[in-house]
C-alpha atoms as a PDB file:
ATOM      1  CA  MET A   1     134.571 321.583 149.865  1.00  0.00           C
ATOM      2  CA  THR A   2     135.520 317.897 149.708  1.00  0.00           C
ATOM      3  CA  PHE A   3     135.134 317.995 145.916  1.00  0.00           C
ATOM      4  CA  ILE A   4     137.666 320.839 145.612  1.00  0.00           C
ATOM      5  CA  ASN A   5     140.127 319.453 148.183  1.00  0.00           C
ATOM      6  CA  ALA A   6     140.179 316.098 146.377  1.00  0.00           C
ATOM      7  CA  ARG A   7     141.265 317.789 143.140  1.00  0.00           C
ATOM      8  CA  VAL A   8     143.805 320.423 144.161  1.00  0.00           C
ATOM      9  CA  ASN A   9     147.238 320.268 145.736  1.00  0.00           C
ATOM     10  CA  LYS A  10     146.731 322.776 148.556  1.00  0.00           C
ATOM     11  CA  PRO A  11     148.306 321.326 151.737  1.00  0.00           C
ATOM     12  CA  ASP A  12     146.981 324.233 153.826  1.00  0.00           C
ATOM     13  CA  GLY A  13     143.478 323.663 152.488  1.00  0.00           C
ATOM     14  CA  VAL A  14     140.970 325.752 150.588  1.00  0.00           C
ATOM     15  CA  ARG A  15     138.839 328.449 152.174  1.00  0.00           C
ATOM     16  CA  PHE A  16     135.521 329.746 150.874  1.00  0.00           C
ATOM     17  CA  ILE A  17     134.070 333.096 151.872  1.00  0.00           C
ATOM     18  CA  GLU A  18     130.420 333.530 150.956  1.00  0.00           C
ATOM     19  CA  THR A  19     128.586 336.817 151.086  1.00  0.00           C
ATOM     20  CA  VAL A  20     124.953 337.252 150.214  1.00  0.00           C
ATOM     21  CA  ILE A  21     124.362 340.551 148.468  1.00  0.00           C
ATOM     22  CA  SER A  22     120.945 342.127 148.733  1.00  0.00           C
ATOM     23  CA  ASP A  23     118.902 341.330 145.663  1.00  0.00           C
ATOM     24  CA  GLN A  24     120.198 343.127 142.593  1.00  0.00           C
ATOM     25  CA  ASN A  25     117.887 343.222 139.588  1.00  0.00           C
ATOM     26  CA  GLY A  26     119.133 343.107 136.007  1.00  0.00           C
ATOM     27  CA  PRO A  27     119.691 343.596 133.253  1.00  0.00           C
ATOM     28  CA  PHE A  28     123.312 344.398 134.136  1.00  0.00           C
ATOM     29  CA  SER A  29     126.012 346.217 132.212  1.00  0.00           C
ATOM     30  CA  ILE A  30     129.666 345.285 132.635  1.00  0.00           C
ATOM     31  CA  SER A  31     130.253 348.549 134.522  1.00  0.00           C
ATOM     32  CA  GLN A  32     127.433 347.693 136.974  1.00  0.00           C
ATOM     33  CA  ILE A  33     129.013 344.287 137.665  1.00  0.00           C
ATOM     34  CA  ARG A  34     132.407 345.987 138.145  1.00  0.00           C
ATOM     35  CA  ASN A  35     130.842 348.384 140.641  1.00  0.00           C
ATOM     36  CA  ILE A  36     129.273 345.510 142.589  1.00  0.00           C
ATOM     37  CA  GLU A  37     132.663 343.775 142.726  1.00  0.00           C
ATOM     38  CA  ASN A  38     134.419 346.969 143.833  1.00  0.00           C
ATOM     39  CA  GLU A  39     131.877 347.446 146.629  1.00  0.00           C
ATOM     40  CA  GLN A  40     131.674 343.817 147.801  1.00  0.00           C
ATOM     41  CA  ARG A  41     135.002 342.062 147.184  1.00  0.00           C
ATOM     42  CA  THR A  42     137.223 341.843 150.250  1.00  0.00           C
ATOM     43  CA  VAL A  43     139.892 339.249 149.340  1.00  0.00           C
ATOM     44  CA  TYR A  44     142.544 339.485 146.613  1.00  0.00           C
ATOM     45  CA  THR A  45     145.377 337.251 145.410  1.00  0.00           C
ATOM     46  CA  GLN A  46     148.472 337.739 147.557  1.00  0.00           C
ATOM     47  CA  ALA A  47     151.823 335.925 147.442  1.00  0.00           C
ATOM     48  CA  ASP A  48     150.982 332.233 146.888  1.00  0.00           C
ATOM     49  CA  ASP A  49     147.314 332.525 147.900  1.00  0.00           C
ATOM     50  CA  ILE A  50     144.879 332.847 145.010  1.00  0.00           C
ATOM     51  CA  ALA A  51     141.555 334.597 145.416  1.00  0.00           C
ATOM     52  CA  VAL A  52     138.678 334.132 142.988  1.00  0.00           C
ATOM     53  CA  TYR A  53     135.614 336.376 143.070  1.00  0.00           C
ATOM     54  CA  VAL A  54     132.404 334.930 141.643  1.00  0.00           C
ATOM     55  CA  TYR A  55     129.171 336.905 141.461  1.00  0.00           C
ATOM     56  CA  PHE A  56     125.969 335.058 140.614  1.00  0.00           C
ATOM     57  CA  ALA A  57     123.512 337.606 139.273  1.00  0.00           C
ATOM     58  CA  SER A  58     119.779 337.258 139.597  1.00  0.00           C
ATOM     59  CA  GLY A  59     119.304 339.034 136.291  1.00  0.00           C
ATOM     60  CA  ASN A  60     120.607 338.947 132.763  1.00  0.00           C
ATOM     61  CA  ALA A  61     123.176 341.025 130.857  1.00  0.00           C
ATOM     62  CA  ASN A  62     121.932 344.098 129.052  1.00  0.00           C
ATOM     63  CA  SER A  63     123.533 342.685 125.865  1.00  0.00           C
ATOM     64  CA  ASP A  64     121.398 339.483 125.911  1.00  0.00           C
ATOM     65  CA  THR A  65     118.991 338.959 123.033  1.00  0.00           C
ATOM     66  CA  SER A  66     116.137 336.597 122.317  1.00  0.00           C
ATOM     67  CA  THR A  67     118.659 334.109 120.878  1.00  0.00           C
ATOM     68  CA  THR A  68     121.808 334.724 122.990  1.00  0.00           C
ATOM     69  CA  VAL A  69     122.509 334.903 126.711  1.00  0.00           C
ATOM     70  CA  THR A  70     125.592 335.713 128.745  1.00  0.00           C
ATOM     71  CA  LEU A  71     126.688 332.893 131.040  1.00  0.00           C
ATOM     72  CA  GLY A  72     129.654 334.741 132.518  1.00  0.00           C
ATOM     73  CA  LEU A  73     132.339 337.292 131.875  1.00  0.00           C
ATOM     74  CA  PRO A  74     135.787 338.083 133.164  1.00  0.00           C
ATOM     75  CA  ILE A  75     135.810 341.464 134.821  1.00  0.00           C
ATOM     76  CA  LYS A  76     139.344 342.287 135.923  1.00  0.00           C
ATOM     77  CA  THR A  77     142.585 340.993 137.317  1.00  0.00           C
ATOM     78  CA  ARG A  78     144.446 342.697 140.095  1.00  0.00           C
ATOM     79  CA  LEU A  79     148.053 341.680 140.686  1.00  0.00           C
END
């Protein structure tokens, strides 16, 4: 938290909400990740408060190969 607060201009501070999701096994498709977000995400950007949803998967993407891996993907934006 100190790392973030030292680098952003947010006078009211920064708040983190962590949720542990029961173990999900990959490989994952984009639609599976979307479904997990739809089921688990509880906070969205409103007015001048930004919300960022990050899901760390315990598996790989179903599009990974022996020479390529997916490190992350944007899923959706809701305004």
